[in-house]
C-alpha atoms as a PDB file:
ATOM      1  CA  MET A   1     146.598 109.818  88.667  1.00  0.00           C
ATOM      2  CA  THR A   2     144.253 112.059  90.685  1.00  0.00           C
ATOM      3  CA  ARG A   3     141.751 110.825  92.956  1.00  0.00           C
ATOM      4  CA  PRO A   4     138.545 111.136  91.448  1.00  0.00           C
ATOM      5  CA  LYS A   5     136.018 113.504  93.305  1.00  0.00           C
ATOM      6  CA  LEU A   6     133.208 111.825  95.183  1.00  0.00           C
ATOM      7  CA  ILE A   7     129.534 113.445  94.837  1.00  0.00           C
ATOM      8  CA  LEU A   8     126.913 112.249  97.043  1.00  0.00           C
ATOM      9  CA  GLY A   9     123.480 112.636  95.451  1.00  0.00           C
ATOM     10  CA  SER A  10     121.898 112.661  99.011  1.00  0.00           C
ATOM     11  CA  GLY A  11     121.264 115.216 101.685  1.00  0.00           C
ATOM     12  CA  SER A  12     120.621 112.624 104.499  1.00  0.00           C
ATOM     13  CA  PRO A  13     123.353 113.413 107.130  1.00  0.00           C
ATOM     14  CA  ARG A  14     122.997 109.274 107.878  1.00  0.00           C
ATOM     15  CA  ARG A  15     124.513 108.825 104.713  1.00  0.00           C
ATOM     16  CA  ALA A  16     127.297 111.205 105.284  1.00  0.00           C
ATOM     17  CA  GLU A  17     128.058 109.421 108.570  1.00  0.00           C
ATOM     18  CA  LEU A  18     128.346 105.957 107.318  1.00  0.00           C
ATOM     19  CA  LEU A  19     130.350 107.240 104.120  1.00  0.00           C
ATOM     20  CA  ALA A  20     132.719 108.748 107.616  1.00  0.00           C
ATOM     21  CA  GLN A  21     132.895 105.035 108.686  1.00  0.00           C
ATOM     22  CA  LEU A  22     134.711 104.169 105.584  1.00  0.00           C
ATOM     23  CA  GLY A  23     137.136 107.352 106.032  1.00  0.00           C
ATOM     24  CA  LEU A  24     135.182 109.172 103.867  1.00  0.00           C
ATOM     25  CA  VAL A  25     134.106 112.894 103.467  1.00  0.00           C
ATOM     26  CA  ALA A  26     132.364 113.745  99.748  1.00  0.00           C
ATOM     27  CA  ASP A  27     133.546 116.212  97.992  1.00  0.00           C
ATOM     28  CA  GLY A  28     130.150 117.474  97.178  1.00  0.00           C
ATOM     29  CA  VAL A  29     126.511 117.274  97.580  1.00  0.00           C
ATOM     30  CA  ARG A  30     124.042 117.385  94.482  1.00  0.00           C
ATOM     31  CA  LEU A  31     120.419 116.535  95.300  1.00  0.00           C
ATOM     32  CA  PRO A  32     119.014 114.925  92.135  1.00  0.00           C
ATOM     33  CA  ASP A  33     115.666 115.969  91.241  1.00  0.00           C
ATOM     34  CA  VAL A  34     113.675 112.793  91.378  1.00  0.00           C
ATOM     35  CA  ASP A  35     109.679 112.234  91.511  1.00  0.00           C
ATOM     36  CA  GLU A  36     109.634 109.268  93.913  1.00  0.00           C
ATOM     37  CA  THR A  37     105.639 108.355  93.648  1.00  0.00           C
ATOM     38  CA  PRO A  38     105.500 104.716  93.312  1.00  0.00           C
ATOM     39  CA  LEU A  39     103.805 103.422  90.103  1.00  0.00           C
ATOM     40  CA  LYS A  40     100.669 101.603  90.210  1.00  0.00           C
ATOM     41  CA  GLY A  41     101.396  97.920  91.344  1.00  0.00           C
ATOM     42  CA  GLU A  42     105.030  98.751  91.501  1.00  0.00           C
ATOM     43  CA  LEU A  43     106.703  96.065  94.204  1.00  0.00           C
ATOM     44  CA  PRO A  44     108.783  97.466  96.595  1.00  0.00           C
ATOM     45  CA  LEU A  45     112.446  95.908  95.554  1.00  0.00           C
ATOM     46  CA  ALA A  46     111.601  96.954  91.869  1.00  0.00           C
ATOM     47  CA  TYR A  47     110.342 100.592  93.074  1.00  0.00           C
ATOM     48  CA  CYS A  48     113.878 100.989  95.304  1.00  0.00           C
ATOM     49  CA  ARG A  49     115.977 100.179  92.198  1.00  0.00           C
ATOM     50  CA  ARG A  50     114.066 102.478  89.855  1.00  0.00           C
ATOM     51  CA  ILE A  51     114.221 105.245  92.392  1.00  0.00           C
ATOM     52  CA  ALA A  52     117.976 104.923  93.181  1.00  0.00           C
ATOM     53  CA  ALA A  53     118.952 104.406  89.123  1.00  0.00           C
ATOM     54  CA  ALA A  54     116.781 107.424  88.561  1.00  0.00           C
ATOM     55  CA  LYS A  55     118.781 109.614  91.088  1.00  0.00           C
ATOM     56  CA  ALA A  56     121.701 108.482  89.594  1.00  0.00           C
ATOM     57  CA  ALA A  57     120.481 109.334  86.033  1.00  0.00           C
ATOM     58  CA  ALA A  58     119.210 112.516  87.158  1.00  0.00           C
ATOM     59  CA  MET A  59     122.982 113.720  88.016  1.00  0.00           C
ATOM     60  CA  ASP A  60     125.774 115.390  86.071  1.00  0.00           C
ATOM     61  CA  VAL A  61     128.770 113.321  86.131  1.00  0.00           C
ATOM     62  CA  ALA A  62     132.109 115.132  85.125  1.00  0.00           C
ATOM     63  CA  ALA A  63     135.078 113.026  84.121  1.00  0.00           C
ATOM     64  CA  ASP A  64     136.886 113.342  87.083  1.00  0.00           C
ATOM     65  CA  GLU A  65     134.000 112.494  89.235  1.00  0.00           C
ATOM     66  CA  VAL A  66     132.069 109.188  91.106  1.00  0.00           C
ATOM     67  CA  VAL A  67     128.266 109.815  92.126  1.00  0.00           C
ATOM     68  CA  LEU A  68     126.861 107.476  94.888  1.00  0.00           C
ATOM     69  CA  CYS A  69     122.959 107.846  95.189  1.00  0.00           C
ATOM     70  CA  ALA A  70     120.820 105.787  97.169  1.00  0.00           C
ATOM     71  CA  ASP A  71     117.214 105.029  98.355  1.00  0.00           C
ATOM     72  CA  THR A  72     115.976 103.098 101.469  1.00  0.00           C
ATOM     73  CA  THR A  73     112.333 101.492 101.551  1.00  0.00           C
ATOM     74  CA  VAL A  74     110.317 100.094 103.927  1.00  0.00           C
ATOM     75  CA  ALA A  75     108.628  97.198 103.105  1.00  0.00           C
ATOM     76  CA  LEU A  76     105.343  95.202 104.617  1.00  0.00           C
ATOM     77  CA  GLY A  77     104.710  92.433 101.866  1.00  0.00           C
ATOM     78  CA  ARG A  78     104.068  94.043  98.888  1.00  0.00           C
ATOM     79  CA  ARG A  79     103.188  97.368 100.583  1.00  0.00           C
ATOM     80  CA  ILE A  80     105.794 100.192 100.119  1.00  0.00           C
ATOM     81  CA  MET A  81     105.797 102.588 103.121  1.00  0.00           C
ATOM     82  CA  GLY A  82     107.532 105.904 102.115  1.00  0.00           C
ATOM     83  CA  LYS A  83     107.901 108.645 104.399  1.00  0.00           C
ATOM     84  CA  PRO A  84     104.759 109.546 106.385  1.00  0.00           C
ATOM     85  CA  GLU A  85     102.792 112.819 105.657  1.00  0.00           C
ATOM     86  CA  ASP A  86     101.611 113.518 109.206  1.00  0.00           C
ATOM     87  CA  ALA A  87     101.354 111.654 112.579  1.00  0.00           C
ATOM     88  CA  GLY A  88      98.394 109.837 111.515  1.00  0.00           C
ATOM     89  CA  GLN A  89      99.946 108.297 108.685  1.00  0.00           C
ATOM     90  CA  ALA A  90     103.065 107.498 110.665  1.00  0.00           C
ATOM     91  CA  ALA A  91     100.836 105.780 113.434  1.00  0.00           C
ATOM     92  CA  GLU A  92      99.146 103.867 110.540  1.00  0.00           C
ATOM     93  CA  PHE A  93     102.510 102.663 109.797  1.00  0.00           C
ATOM     94  CA  LEU A  94     104.016 101.890 113.020  1.00  0.00           C
ATOM     95  CA  LEU A  95     100.883 100.108 113.996  1.00  0.00           C
ATOM     96  CA  ALA A  96     101.120  97.817 110.926  1.00  0.00           C
ATOM     97  CA  LEU A  97     104.650  97.010 111.667  1.00  0.00           C
ATOM     98  CA  SER A  98     103.989  96.446 115.588  1.00  0.00           C
ATOM     99  CA  GLY A  99     104.547  92.512 116.009  1.00  0.00           C
ATOM    100  CA  ARG A 100     105.860  91.758 112.980  1.00  0.00           C
ATOM    101  CA  ARG A 101     108.535  91.518 110.345  1.00  0.00           C
ATOM    102  CA  HIS A 102     109.194  93.683 107.710  1.00  0.00           C
ATOM    103  CA  ARG A 103     111.738  94.208 104.864  1.00  0.00           C
ATOM    104  CA  VAL A 104     114.166  97.338 104.615  1.00  0.00           C
ATOM    105  CA  ILE A 105     115.411  97.587 100.908  1.00  0.00           C
ATOM    106  CA  THR A 106     118.338  99.837 100.332  1.00  0.00           C
ATOM    107  CA  SER A 107     119.195 100.160  96.729  1.00  0.00           C
ATOM    108  CA  VAL A 108     123.162 101.688  95.995  1.00  0.00           C
ATOM    109  CA  VAL A 109     123.799 103.295  92.661  1.00  0.00           C
ATOM    110  CA  VAL A 110     127.327 104.211  91.671  1.00  0.00           C
ATOM    111  CA  ARG A 111     128.333 106.114  88.804  1.00  0.00           C
ATOM    112  CA  THR A 112     131.087 107.407  86.355  1.00  0.00           C
ATOM    113  CA  ALA A 113     131.085 109.291  83.503  1.00  0.00           C
ATOM    114  CA  GLN A 114     131.479 106.008  81.279  1.00  0.00           C
ATOM    115  CA  GLN A 115     129.581 103.287  83.892  1.00  0.00           C
ATOM    116  CA  THR A 116     126.962 102.448  86.519  1.00  0.00           C
ATOM    117  CA  TRP A 117     127.372  99.616  89.107  1.00  0.00           C
ATOM    118  CA  ALA A 118     123.830  98.981  91.548  1.00  0.00           C
ATOM    119  CA  ARG A 119     123.676  96.617  94.296  1.00  0.00           C
ATOM    120  CA  ASP A 120     120.802  96.128  96.507  1.00  0.00           C
ATOM    121  CA  VAL A 121     120.155  95.107 100.011  1.00  0.00           C
ATOM    122  CA  VAL A 122     117.458  93.534 101.709  1.00  0.00           C
ATOM    123  CA  THR A 123     117.374  93.212 105.727  1.00  0.00           C
ATOM    124  CA  THR A 124     114.713  91.881 107.360  1.00  0.00           C
ATOM    125  CA  VAL A 125     113.512  93.604 110.608  1.00  0.00           C
ATOM    126  CA  LYS A 126     111.315  92.539 113.260  1.00  0.00           C
ATOM    127  CA  PHE A 127     109.065  95.236 115.787  1.00  0.00           C
ATOM    128  CA  LYS A 128     107.820  94.061 119.170  1.00  0.00           C
ATOM    129  CA  ARG A 129     104.303  94.778 119.712  1.00  0.00           C
ATOM    130  CA  LEU A 130     103.931  98.267 120.617  1.00  0.00           C
ATOM    131  CA  SER A 131     101.807  99.430 123.515  1.00  0.00           C
ATOM    132  CA  ASP A 132      99.913 103.025 123.182  1.00  0.00           C
ATOM    133  CA  THR A 133     102.316 104.426 125.461  1.00  0.00           C
ATOM    134  CA  GLU A 134     105.469 103.800 123.588  1.00  0.00           C
ATOM    135  CA  LEU A 135     103.584 104.635 120.363  1.00  0.00           C
ATOM    136  CA  ASN A 136     102.353 107.930 122.019  1.00  0.00           C
ATOM    137  CA  ALA A 137     105.433 108.830 123.088  1.00  0.00           C
ATOM    138  CA  TYR A 138     107.434 107.712 119.908  1.00  0.00           C
ATOM    139  CA  LEU A 139     104.871 110.008 117.841  1.00  0.00           C
ATOM    140  CA  ALA A 140     105.216 112.956 120.130  1.00  0.00           C
ATOM    141  CA  SER A 141     109.380 112.806 119.517  1.00  0.00           C
ATOM    142  CA  ASN A 142     108.815 113.606 115.813  1.00  0.00           C
ATOM    143  CA  ASP A 143     111.142 111.168 115.290  1.00  0.00           C
ATOM    144  CA  TRP A 144     109.311 109.702 112.644  1.00  0.00           C
ATOM    145  CA  ARG A 145     109.625 112.673 110.033  1.00  0.00           C
ATOM    146  CA  GLY A 146     111.404 112.311 106.829  1.00  0.00           C
ATOM    147  CA  LYS A 147     111.631 108.504 107.515  1.00  0.00           C
ATOM    148  CA  ALA A 148     110.884 105.795 105.020  1.00  0.00           C
ATOM    149  CA  GLY A 149     108.120 103.430 107.389  1.00  0.00           C
ATOM    150  CA  GLY A 150     108.030 106.185 110.121  1.00  0.00           C
ATOM    151  CA  TYR A 151     111.051 105.443 111.992  1.00  0.00           C
ATOM    152  CA  ALA A 152     114.816 105.120 112.059  1.00  0.00           C
ATOM    153  CA  ILE A 153     116.926 102.071 113.667  1.00  0.00           C
ATOM    154  CA  GLN A 154     119.182 104.237 115.107  1.00  0.00           C
ATOM    155  CA  GLY A 155     116.921 106.822 117.068  1.00  0.00           C
ATOM    156  CA  PRO A 156     114.360 106.133 119.550  1.00  0.00           C
ATOM    157  CA  ALA A 157     112.532 103.609 117.707  1.00  0.00           C
ATOM    158  CA  GLY A 158     115.803 101.292 117.755  1.00  0.00           C
ATOM    159  CA  ALA A 159     114.265 100.040 121.014  1.00  0.00           C
ATOM    160  CA  PHE A 160     111.450  98.465 119.146  1.00  0.00           C
ATOM    161  CA  VAL A 161     114.047  96.078 116.927  1.00  0.00           C
ATOM    162  CA  THR A 162     113.950  92.785 118.608  1.00  0.00           C
ATOM    163  CA  TRP A 163     115.480  91.075 116.043  1.00  0.00           C
ATOM    164  CA  LEU A 164     117.391  91.770 112.698  1.00  0.00           C
ATOM    165  CA  GLN A 165     118.602  89.515 109.665  1.00  0.00           C
ATOM    166  CA  GLY A 166     120.958  91.156 107.217  1.00  0.00           C
ATOM    167  CA  SER A 167     122.640  94.739 107.286  1.00  0.00           C
ATOM    168  CA  TYR A 168     122.312  97.373 109.939  1.00  0.00           C
ATOM    169  CA  THR A 169     123.709 100.187 108.001  1.00  0.00           C
ATOM    170  CA  ALA A 170     121.636  99.560 105.177  1.00  0.00           C
ATOM    171  CA  VAL A 171     118.636  99.824 107.800  1.00  0.00           C
ATOM    172  CA  VAL A 172     119.955 103.510 108.710  1.00  0.00           C
ATOM    173  CA  GLY A 173     120.330 104.374 104.798  1.00  0.00           C
ATOM    174  CA  LEU A 174     123.849 102.756 103.445  1.00  0.00           C
ATOM    175  CA  PRO A 175     125.187  99.659 103.462  1.00  0.00           C
ATOM    176  CA  VAL A 176     128.468 100.239 104.270  1.00  0.00           C
ATOM    177  CA  ALA A 177     130.244  96.862 103.239  1.00  0.00           C
ATOM    178  CA  GLU A 178     128.234  96.698  99.835  1.00  0.00           C
ATOM    179  CA  THR A 179     128.959 100.709  99.127  1.00  0.00           C
ATOM    180  CA  ALA A 180     132.720 100.162  99.653  1.00  0.00           C
ATOM    181  CA  SER A 181     132.698  97.215  96.865  1.00  0.00           C
ATOM    182  CA  LEU A 182     130.862  99.529  94.506  1.00  0.00           C
ATOM    183  CA  LEU A 183     133.117 102.568  95.025  1.00  0.00           C
ATOM    184  CA  MET A 184     136.215 100.435  94.602  1.00  0.00           C
ATOM    185  CA  ALA A 185     134.778  98.854  91.498  1.00  0.00           C
ATOM    186  CA  ALA A 186     134.381 102.298  90.204  1.00  0.00           C
ATOM    187  CA  GLY A 187     137.782 103.039  90.604  1.00  0.00           C
ATOM    188  CA  TYR A 188     137.490 105.003  93.791  1.00  0.00           C
ATOM    189  CA  PRO A 189     140.406 104.249  96.264  1.00  0.00           C
ATOM    190  CA  LEU A 190     138.889 103.207  99.509  1.00  0.00           C
ATOM    191  CA  TYR A 191     142.713 101.877 101.015  1.00  0.00           C
ATOM    192  CA  GLY A 192     145.993 103.286 100.807  1.00  0.00           C
ATOM    193  CA  ASP A 193     146.635 106.695  99.242  1.00  0.00           C
ATOM    194  CA  ARG A 194     144.085 108.891  98.173  1.00  0.00           C
ATOM    195  CA  SER A 195     146.240 111.703  97.214  1.00  0.00           C
END
Protein backbone atom coordinates (compact mmCIF):
# COMPACT_ATOMS: atom_id res chain seq x y z
CA MET A 1 0.00 0.00 0.00
CA THR A 2 1.39 3.41 -0.91
CA ARG A 3 1.66 6.16 1.66
CA PRO A 4 -1.12 8.79 1.44
CA LYS A 5 -0.13 12.35 0.55
CA LEU A 6 0.07 14.74 3.49
CA ILE A 7 -1.57 18.10 2.74
CA LEU A 8 -0.98 20.98 5.16
CA GLY A 9 -3.91 23.38 5.32
CA SER A 10 -1.75 26.23 6.57
CA GLY A 11 0.83 28.60 5.17
CA SER A 12 2.50 28.94 8.57
CA PRO A 13 6.25 28.30 8.39
CA ARG A 14 6.12 27.43 12.11
CA ARG A 15 3.67 24.59 11.48
CA ALA A 16 5.90 23.27 8.69
CA GLU A 17 8.89 23.38 11.08
CA LEU A 18 6.94 21.52 13.78
CA LEU A 19 5.94 18.85 11.25
CA ALA A 20 9.65 18.52 10.45
CA GLN A 21 10.23 17.58 14.11
CA LEU A 22 8.23 14.44 13.30
CA GLY A 23 10.41 13.91 10.23
CA LEU A 24 7.54 14.97 7.95
CA VAL A 25 7.42 17.30 4.99
CA ALA A 26 3.98 18.05 3.59
CA ASP A 27 3.44 16.85 0.01
CA GLY A 28 1.43 20.00 -0.59
CA VAL A 29 0.13 23.17 1.04
CA ARG A 30 -3.41 24.40 0.42
CA LEU A 31 -4.82 27.44 2.13
CA PRO A 32 -8.50 27.07 3.01
CA ASP A 33 -10.58 30.21 2.61
CA VAL A 34 -12.29 30.66 5.98
CA ASP A 35 -13.73 33.74 7.69
CA GLU A 36 -12.01 33.80 11.10
CA THR A 37 -14.28 36.44 12.67
CA PRO A 38 -15.50 35.30 16.11
CA LEU A 39 -19.26 34.95 16.53
CA LYS A 40 -20.99 37.23 19.02
CA GLY A 41 -20.45 35.86 22.54
CA GLU A 42 -18.35 32.94 21.27
CA LEU A 43 -15.95 31.52 23.86
CA PRO A 44 -12.28 30.95 22.94
CA LEU A 45 -12.29 27.12 22.94
CA ALA A 46 -15.49 26.92 20.89
CA TYR A 47 -14.08 29.53 18.50
CA CYS A 48 -10.79 27.71 18.02
CA ARG A 49 -12.56 24.36 17.43
CA ARG A 50 -14.95 25.94 14.94
CA ILE A 51 -12.21 27.63 12.91
CA ALA A 52 -9.99 24.52 12.75
CA ALA A 53 -13.00 22.39 11.72
CA ALA A 54 -14.08 24.98 9.13
CA LYS A 55 -10.56 24.99 7.64
CA ALA A 56 -10.61 21.19 7.30
CA ALA A 57 -14.17 21.17 5.93
CA ALA A 58 -13.29 23.82 3.32
CA MET A 59 -10.67 21.56 1.74
CA ASP A 60 -11.24 19.05 -1.03
CA VAL A 61 -9.64 15.80 0.09
CA ALA A 62 -8.74 13.16 -2.50
CA ALA A 63 -8.90 9.45 -1.66
CA ASP A 64 -5.10 9.26 -1.35
CA GLU A 65 -4.71 12.36 0.87
CA VAL A 66 -4.58 13.19 4.57
CA VAL A 67 -5.24 16.85 5.36
CA LEU A 68 -3.92 18.60 8.48
CA CYS A 69 -5.41 21.91 9.66
CA ALA A 70 -5.00 23.84 12.91
CA ASP A 71 -5.96 27.07 14.58
CA THR A 72 -4.24 28.78 17.52
CA THR A 73 -6.02 31.33 19.70
CA VAL A 74 -4.82 33.36 22.67
CA ALA A 75 -7.49 33.71 25.36
CA LEU A 76 -7.54 36.03 28.36
CA GLY A 77 -10.53 34.83 30.34
CA ARG A 78 -13.45 34.83 27.88
CA ARG A 79 -11.70 37.27 25.54
CA ILE A 80 -10.34 36.04 22.20
CA MET A 81 -7.12 37.79 21.23
CA GLY A 82 -6.63 37.33 17.53
CA LYS A 83 -3.95 38.78 15.28
CA PRO A 84 -3.54 42.49 16.06
CA GLU A 85 -4.54 44.89 13.30
CA ASP A 86 -1.80 47.40 14.16
CA ALA A 87 0.88 48.26 16.73
CA GLY A 88 -1.72 50.00 18.93
CA GLN A 89 -3.80 46.85 19.22
CA ALA A 90 -0.65 44.74 19.75
CA ALA A 91 0.29 47.07 22.65
CA GLU A 92 -3.23 46.75 24.08
CA PHE A 93 -3.01 42.91 23.96
CA LEU A 94 0.47 42.79 25.51
CA LEU A 95 -0.45 45.22 28.29
CA ALA A 96 -3.51 43.07 29.07
CA LEU A 97 -1.28 39.95 29.23
CA SER A 98 1.47 41.69 31.26
CA GLY A 99 1.95 40.07 34.67
CA ARG A 100 -0.95 37.65 34.12
CA ARG A 101 -1.74 34.11 33.09
CA HIS A 102 -3.57 33.40 29.85
CA ARG A 103 -4.46 30.37 27.80
CA VAL A 104 -3.21 29.43 24.36
CA ILE A 105 -5.62 27.05 22.62
CA THR A 106 -4.63 25.07 19.55
CA SER A 107 -7.23 22.92 17.82
CA VAL A 108 -5.92 20.35 15.33
CA VAL A 109 -8.05 18.58 12.73
CA VAL A 110 -6.89 15.70 10.54
CA ARG A 111 -9.17 14.62 7.73
CA THR A 112 -9.31 11.95 5.07
CA ALA A 113 -11.98 11.63 2.37
CA GLN A 114 -13.96 9.38 4.76
CA GLN A 115 -13.33 10.56 8.31
CA THR A 116 -12.24 13.44 10.56
CA TRP A 117 -10.23 13.41 13.81
CA ALA A 118 -9.78 16.41 16.12
CA ARG A 119 -7.96 17.37 19.33
CA ASP A 120 -7.74 20.55 21.39
CA VAL A 121 -4.69 21.41 23.45
CA VAL A 122 -4.95 24.15 26.07
CA THR A 123 -1.74 25.54 27.54
CA THR A 124 -1.50 28.09 30.35
CA VAL A 125 1.18 30.75 29.92
CA LYS A 126 2.28 33.44 32.39
CA PHE A 127 3.85 36.70 31.29
CA LYS A 128 6.17 38.77 33.44
CA ARG A 129 5.14 42.35 34.13
CA LEU A 130 6.33 44.26 31.08
CA SER A 131 8.21 47.55 31.41
CA ASP A 132 7.62 50.36 28.93
CA THR A 133 11.12 49.75 27.55
CA GLU A 134 10.43 46.04 26.92
CA LEU A 135 7.03 46.74 25.38
CA ASN A 136 8.28 49.49 23.06
CA ALA A 137 11.33 47.50 21.94
CA TYR A 138 9.12 44.50 21.19
CA LEU A 139 6.60 46.58 19.24
CA ALA A 140 9.47 48.11 17.22
CA SER A 141 10.68 44.58 16.31
CA ASN A 142 7.39 44.00 14.40
CA ASP A 143 7.44 40.39 15.64
CA TRP A 144 3.81 40.87 16.77
CA ARG A 145 2.55 41.02 13.17
CA GLY A 146 0.35 38.09 12.19
CA LYS A 147 0.57 36.47 15.64
CA ALA A 148 -2.44 35.58 17.79
CA GLY A 149 -2.33 37.67 20.96
CA GLY A 150 0.43 39.78 19.41
CA TYR A 151 3.30 37.45 20.25
CA ALA A 152 5.14 34.26 19.33
CA ILE A 153 6.72 32.28 22.16
CA GLN A 154 9.58 31.18 19.88
CA GLY A 155 10.47 34.81 19.08
CA PRO A 156 11.70 37.75 21.18
CA ALA A 157 8.51 37.60 23.31
CA GLY A 158 9.75 34.27 24.69
CA ALA A 159 11.68 36.46 27.16
CA PHE A 160 8.32 37.58 28.61
CA VAL A 161 7.18 34.03 29.48
CA THR A 162 7.98 33.14 33.09
CA TRP A 163 5.92 29.96 33.35
CA LEU A 164 4.09 27.50 31.13
CA GLN A 165 1.87 24.52 31.86
CA GLY A 166 1.00 22.32 28.91
CA SER A 167 2.45 21.98 25.43
CA TYR A 168 5.17 24.37 24.24
CA THR A 169 4.73 23.23 20.62
CA ALA A 170 0.97 23.94 20.85
CA VAL A 171 1.78 27.54 21.80
CA VAL A 172 4.08 27.74 18.75
CA GLY A 173 1.14 26.53 16.63
CA LEU A 174 1.03 22.73 16.37
CA PRO A 175 1.10 20.31 19.33
CA VAL A 176 3.55 17.69 18.07
CA ALA A 177 2.51 14.73 20.28
CA GLU A 178 -1.21 15.16 19.62
CA THR A 179 -0.64 15.75 15.90
CA ALA A 180 1.35 12.52 15.67
CA SER A 181 -1.51 10.60 17.34
CA LEU A 182 -4.10 12.09 14.97
CA LEU A 183 -2.03 11.31 11.88
CA MET A 184 -1.55 7.71 13.00
CA ALA A 185 -5.30 7.40 13.72
CA ALA A 186 -5.90 8.55 10.14
CA GLY A 187 -3.62 5.80 8.83
CA TYR A 188 -0.66 8.03 8.02
CA PRO A 189 2.56 6.08 8.70
CA LEU A 190 4.71 8.10 11.08
CA TYR A 191 7.25 5.45 11.97
CA GLY A 192 8.88 2.75 9.92
CA ASP A 193 8.47 2.48 6.16
CA ARG A 194 6.94 5.55 4.55
CA SER A 195 7.40 4.54 0.93
